[in-house]
Amino acid sequence: MNAERLHWACRRGLLELDLVLREFIDTRYAALSASEQALFQAFLNESDADLWAWIQGIEPDPRYAPVLRCFRLARF
């Protein structure tokens, strides 16, 4: 997915989620491996409510553990 499409996919209905995802793209995405980037792209297909809960550490989905670990390491 090119950078423009990726930024568009990070536009969400929840402002806080939009901000966190865009910051992640701008600061951490390039450092992910190809498989982690693909996983992040799949992650973006989930619902806003799930994404926000998982990023906050509430019942995270184990499928996305590598991506969620990157969120915990990031300082937003």
Protein backbone atom coordinates (compact mmCIF):
# COMPACT_ATOMS: atom_id res chain seq x y z
CA MET A 1 0.00 0.00 0.00
CA ASN A 2 1.47 3.36 -0.93
CA ALA A 3 1.89 6.16 1.61
CA GLU A 4 -1.13 8.15 0.43
CA ARG A 5 -3.48 5.16 0.65
CA LEU A 6 -2.02 4.22 4.02
CA HIS A 7 -2.65 7.70 5.42
CA TRP A 8 -6.19 7.58 4.02
CA ALA A 9 -6.78 4.19 5.70
CA CYS A 10 -5.74 5.74 9.03
CA ARG A 11 -8.59 8.27 8.85
CA ARG A 12 -11.08 6.99 11.39
CA GLY A 13 -14.32 8.10 13.02
CA LEU A 14 -12.62 8.48 16.40
CA LEU A 15 -10.31 11.50 16.46
CA GLU A 16 -7.99 10.01 19.09
CA LEU A 17 -7.54 6.87 17.01
CA ASP A 18 -6.96 8.93 13.88
CA LEU A 19 -4.20 10.88 15.62
CA VAL A 20 -2.48 7.82 17.09
CA LEU A 21 -2.56 5.89 13.81
CA ARG A 22 -1.25 8.81 11.76
CA GLU A 23 1.54 9.45 14.26
CA PHE A 24 2.42 5.76 14.12
CA ILE A 25 2.58 5.87 10.32
CA ASP A 26 4.75 8.97 10.37
CA THR A 27 7.21 7.74 13.00
CA ARG A 28 7.24 3.93 13.21
CA TYR A 29 5.76 2.29 10.11
CA ALA A 30 8.89 2.47 7.95
CA ALA A 31 10.87 0.56 10.58
CA LEU A 32 8.47 -2.42 10.48
CA SER A 33 9.40 -5.54 8.57
CA ALA A 34 7.43 -6.33 5.40
CA SER A 35 5.35 -8.91 7.28
CA GLU A 36 4.65 -6.43 10.09
CA GLN A 37 3.63 -3.80 7.55
CA ALA A 38 1.21 -6.28 5.96
CA LEU A 39 -0.13 -7.12 9.41
CA PHE A 40 -0.62 -3.42 10.18
CA GLN A 41 -2.54 -3.01 6.93
CA ALA A 42 -4.81 -5.90 7.95
CA PHE A 43 -5.10 -4.32 11.41
CA LEU A 44 -6.58 -1.20 9.79
CA ASN A 45 -9.50 -3.28 8.48
CA GLU A 46 -10.78 -3.86 12.02
CA SER A 47 -13.44 -1.72 13.69
CA ASP A 48 -12.53 1.54 15.40
CA ALA A 49 -13.78 0.26 18.74
CA ASP A 50 -11.56 -2.83 18.54
CA LEU A 51 -8.52 -0.87 17.38
CA TRP A 52 -8.84 1.68 20.16
CA ALA A 53 -9.32 -0.99 22.83
CA TRP A 54 -6.38 -3.05 21.58
CA ILE A 55 -4.06 -0.04 21.40
CA GLN A 56 -5.02 0.77 24.98
CA GLY A 57 -4.20 -2.81 25.97
CA ILE A 58 -7.78 -3.95 26.56
CA GLU A 59 -8.13 -7.60 25.49
CA PRO A 60 -5.70 -7.33 22.56
CA ASP A 61 -6.18 -9.70 19.65
CA PRO A 62 -3.19 -12.09 19.55
CA ARG A 63 -3.17 -11.99 15.72
CA TYR A 64 -1.91 -8.42 15.95
CA ALA A 65 0.59 -8.88 18.79
CA PRO A 66 3.64 -7.76 16.74
CA VAL A 67 1.91 -4.54 15.70
CA LEU A 68 0.45 -3.85 19.13
CA ARG A 69 3.89 -4.35 20.66
CA CYS A 70 5.13 -1.51 18.42
CA PHE A 71 2.39 0.75 19.78
CA ARG A 72 3.47 0.01 23.33
CA LEU A 73 7.08 0.83 22.45
CA ALA A 74 6.13 4.12 20.78
CA ARG A 75 5.87 7.27 22.84
CA PHE A 76 2.94 9.26 21.46
